[in-house]
């Protein structure tokens, strides 16, 4: 009985210590950690061929891959203390994208990345969320150089990175895919 109680206590402590994702708020958006209820919206986004055309291999994810991807985003926060936020439109409460910082093991640097649902393209949401993520990085990880890796044909993302202050640094291959690396200027202390 005592061993059972200890196990319950340990489990309760582990659950309470969970990973805390800071909430960022902009004029139109709430940026927060992903929750189980977000899966349908996340799955719809990552299974849209147009949305994922320039991400990774450019292939839509199946439902199992979509679940693994969303869990991976939360695991990144747990392991690194930073990651990509679920981007929620305040007016509707709908999750419309993912934006934030990314640096899995073996990645060439801390990356600022974004993905917005197609129905919300060209409305400034990616810029608004990326600007908030950039400000977070400048406060909490200012000593870490920041990059964005962008497919050479993704003109909208190239334009967005430049609008955020990034400059082209070099072309590189990432997991067999050619990408353009954009660097963000260092923060002066």
Protein backbone atom coordinates (compact mmCIF):
# COMPACT_ATOMS: atom_id res chain seq x y z
CA UNK A 1 0.00 0.00 0.00
CA UNK A 2 2.82 2.41 0.84
CA UNK A 3 4.56 1.74 -2.49
CA UNK A 4 1.27 2.48 -4.27
CA UNK A 5 0.90 5.82 -2.50
CA UNK A 6 4.48 6.77 -3.35
CA UNK A 7 3.87 5.96 -7.00
CA UNK A 8 0.71 8.08 -7.00
CA UNK A 9 2.60 10.94 -5.34
CA UNK A 10 5.43 10.73 -7.85
CA UNK A 11 2.98 10.63 -10.75
CA UNK A 12 1.06 13.60 -9.37
CA UNK A 13 4.29 15.59 -8.97
CA UNK A 14 5.39 14.71 -12.50
CA UNK A 15 2.06 15.83 -13.95
CA UNK A 16 2.13 19.09 -11.99
CA UNK A 17 5.68 19.88 -13.10
CA UNK A 18 4.63 19.66 -16.78
CA UNK A 19 6.01 21.78 -19.56
CA UNK A 20 4.98 25.39 -19.42
CA UNK A 21 4.63 27.20 -22.74
CA UNK A 22 4.51 30.98 -22.32
CA UNK A 23 1.50 32.70 -23.81
CA UNK A 24 2.16 35.58 -26.19
CA UNK A 25 -0.57 37.99 -27.18
CA UNK A 26 -0.69 40.32 -30.17
CA UNK A 27 -3.46 42.57 -31.41
CA UNK A 28 -5.32 39.73 -33.17
CA UNK A 29 -3.63 36.57 -31.91
CA UNK A 30 -2.99 34.39 -28.87
CA UNK A 31 0.10 32.21 -29.14
CA UNK A 32 0.12 29.25 -26.76
CA UNK A 33 1.04 25.61 -26.43
CA UNK A 34 -0.87 22.99 -28.36
CA UNK A 35 -3.70 21.13 -26.64
CA UNK A 36 -5.54 17.91 -27.53
CA UNK A 37 -8.52 19.96 -28.75
CA UNK A 38 -6.29 21.59 -31.39
CA UNK A 39 -5.66 18.36 -33.27
CA UNK A 40 -8.44 18.70 -35.86
CA UNK A 41 -7.28 22.19 -36.84
CA UNK A 42 -3.62 21.13 -36.83
CA UNK A 43 -4.38 18.04 -38.92
CA UNK A 44 -6.35 20.11 -41.44
CA UNK A 45 -3.38 22.46 -41.81
CA UNK A 46 -0.64 19.84 -42.24
CA UNK A 47 -2.70 17.72 -44.63
CA UNK A 48 -3.31 20.66 -47.00
CA UNK A 49 -0.93 20.16 -49.97
CA UNK A 50 -0.69 23.92 -50.61
CA UNK A 51 0.19 24.73 -47.00
CA UNK A 52 2.98 22.13 -46.78
CA UNK A 53 4.29 22.51 -50.35
CA UNK A 54 7.52 24.20 -49.14
CA UNK A 55 7.86 22.45 -45.77
CA UNK A 56 10.22 19.48 -45.48
CA UNK A 57 9.65 17.10 -48.37
CA UNK A 58 6.54 19.08 -49.36
CA UNK A 59 4.17 16.18 -48.70
CA UNK A 60 0.93 16.35 -46.68
CA UNK A 61 0.95 14.32 -43.48
CA UNK A 62 -1.41 11.44 -42.81
CA UNK A 63 -3.42 11.52 -39.53
CA UNK A 64 -0.82 9.51 -37.59
CA UNK A 65 2.01 11.74 -38.84
CA UNK A 66 -0.05 14.84 -38.00
CA UNK A 67 -0.49 13.60 -34.41
CA UNK A 68 3.22 12.81 -34.13
CA UNK A 69 4.08 16.25 -35.51
CA UNK A 70 1.87 18.06 -32.99
CA UNK A 71 3.29 15.97 -30.13
CA UNK A 72 6.80 16.71 -31.44
CA UNK A 73 6.11 20.45 -31.20
CA UNK A 74 5.17 20.11 -27.54
CA UNK A 75 8.14 17.83 -26.85
CA UNK A 76 10.43 20.49 -28.31
CA UNK A 77 9.21 22.94 -25.64
CA UNK A 78 9.80 20.32 -22.95
CA UNK A 79 13.36 19.53 -24.05
CA UNK A 80 14.58 22.93 -25.24
CA UNK A 81 12.51 25.48 -23.31
CA UNK A 82 11.38 27.10 -26.57
CA UNK A 83 9.40 25.99 -29.59
CA UNK A 84 6.52 26.71 -31.91
CA UNK A 85 3.28 28.12 -30.59
CA UNK A 86 -0.25 27.27 -31.65
CA UNK A 87 -1.50 30.50 -33.22
CA UNK A 88 -5.09 31.20 -32.24
CA UNK A 89 -7.18 33.94 -33.82
CA UNK A 90 -8.70 35.91 -30.94
CA UNK A 91 -11.87 36.86 -32.83
CA UNK A 92 -12.86 33.24 -33.55
CA UNK A 93 -10.85 31.14 -31.09
CA UNK A 94 -9.65 29.03 -34.04
CA UNK A 95 -6.11 27.70 -34.34
CA UNK A 96 -4.83 29.12 -37.63
CA UNK A 97 -1.18 28.13 -37.60
CA UNK A 98 2.09 27.41 -35.87
CA UNK A 99 4.87 29.95 -35.42
CA UNK A 100 7.97 30.04 -33.29
CA UNK A 101 11.47 28.82 -32.63
CA UNK A 102 12.83 25.47 -33.71
CA UNK A 103 16.16 23.72 -33.19
CA UNK A 104 16.05 19.94 -33.07
CA UNK A 105 19.25 17.98 -32.56
CA UNK A 106 21.61 18.41 -35.51
CA UNK A 107 19.82 21.50 -36.90
CA UNK A 108 22.12 24.26 -38.19
CA UNK A 109 20.84 26.86 -35.72
CA UNK A 110 17.84 28.28 -33.90
CA UNK A 111 15.21 28.81 -36.58
CA UNK A 112 12.26 31.17 -36.67
CA UNK A 113 9.54 29.39 -38.64
CA UNK A 114 5.89 29.83 -39.53
CA UNK A 115 2.96 28.00 -41.09
CA UNK A 116 -0.51 29.51 -41.44
CA UNK A 117 -3.70 27.86 -42.72
CA UNK A 118 -4.47 28.74 -46.33
CA UNK A 119 -7.73 30.50 -45.42
CA UNK A 120 -5.67 33.01 -43.39
CA UNK A 121 -2.91 33.74 -45.93
CA UNK A 122 -2.19 37.31 -47.03
CA UNK A 123 -3.80 38.86 -43.96
CA UNK A 124 -0.63 39.64 -42.00
CA UNK A 125 -1.06 36.84 -39.45
CA UNK A 126 2.31 35.19 -40.17
CA UNK A 127 4.11 38.51 -39.80
CA UNK A 128 2.22 39.41 -36.60
CA UNK A 129 2.97 36.04 -34.98
CA UNK A 130 6.57 35.85 -36.25
CA UNK A 131 7.25 39.36 -34.97
CA UNK A 132 6.04 38.29 -31.49
CA UNK A 133 8.20 35.13 -31.63
CA UNK A 134 11.19 37.21 -32.71
CA UNK A 135 10.65 39.59 -29.78
CA UNK A 136 10.49 36.57 -27.44
CA UNK A 137 13.77 35.26 -28.87
CA UNK A 138 15.42 38.68 -28.45
CA UNK A 139 14.52 38.72 -24.74
CA UNK A 140 15.04 35.07 -23.78
CA UNK A 141 17.64 33.75 -26.24
CA UNK A 142 19.42 36.87 -27.51
CA UNK A 143 22.86 35.22 -27.39
CA UNK A 144 21.74 32.54 -29.86
CA UNK A 145 22.02 33.42 -33.56
CA UNK A 146 18.69 33.17 -35.34
CA UNK A 147 18.00 31.92 -38.87
CA UNK A 148 15.11 31.01 -41.14
CA UNK A 149 15.50 28.16 -43.64
CA UNK A 150 13.26 28.72 -46.65
CA UNK A 151 12.62 26.80 -49.87
CA UNK A 152 13.98 28.84 -52.78
CA UNK A 153 10.57 28.97 -54.50
CA UNK A 154 8.69 30.14 -51.40
CA UNK A 155 8.57 33.82 -52.37
CA UNK A 156 6.04 34.75 -49.65
CA UNK A 157 8.26 33.38 -46.85
CA UNK A 158 11.38 35.00 -48.32
CA UNK A 159 9.56 38.33 -48.35
CA UNK A 160 8.35 37.79 -44.76
CA UNK A 161 11.84 36.94 -43.48
CA UNK A 162 13.19 40.09 -45.12
CA UNK A 163 10.36 42.18 -43.64
CA UNK A 164 11.37 40.81 -40.21
CA UNK A 165 14.95 42.02 -40.82
CA UNK A 166 16.63 38.82 -42.03
CA UNK A 167 19.19 38.85 -44.81
CA UNK A 168 20.21 36.06 -47.16
CA UNK A 169 23.26 34.25 -45.79
CA UNK A 170 23.77 31.11 -47.88
CA UNK A 171 22.22 28.18 -49.69
CA UNK A 172 22.39 24.84 -47.88
CA UNK A 173 21.06 21.32 -47.98
CA UNK A 174 18.90 20.19 -45.07
CA UNK A 175 17.83 16.54 -45.01
CA UNK A 176 18.38 16.28 -48.75
CA UNK A 177 16.40 19.44 -49.54
CA UNK A 178 17.91 22.65 -50.90
CA UNK A 179 17.09 25.69 -48.74
CA UNK A 180 18.03 29.33 -48.46
CA UNK A 181 19.33 30.39 -45.07
CA UNK A 182 18.40 33.87 -43.87
CA UNK A 183 20.12 35.36 -40.81
CA UNK A 184 18.61 37.83 -38.37
CA UNK A 185 20.85 40.62 -37.09
CA UNK A 186 22.31 40.12 -33.62
CA UNK A 187 20.84 42.08 -30.75
CA UNK A 188 23.16 44.72 -29.29
CA UNK A 189 23.31 44.57 -25.51
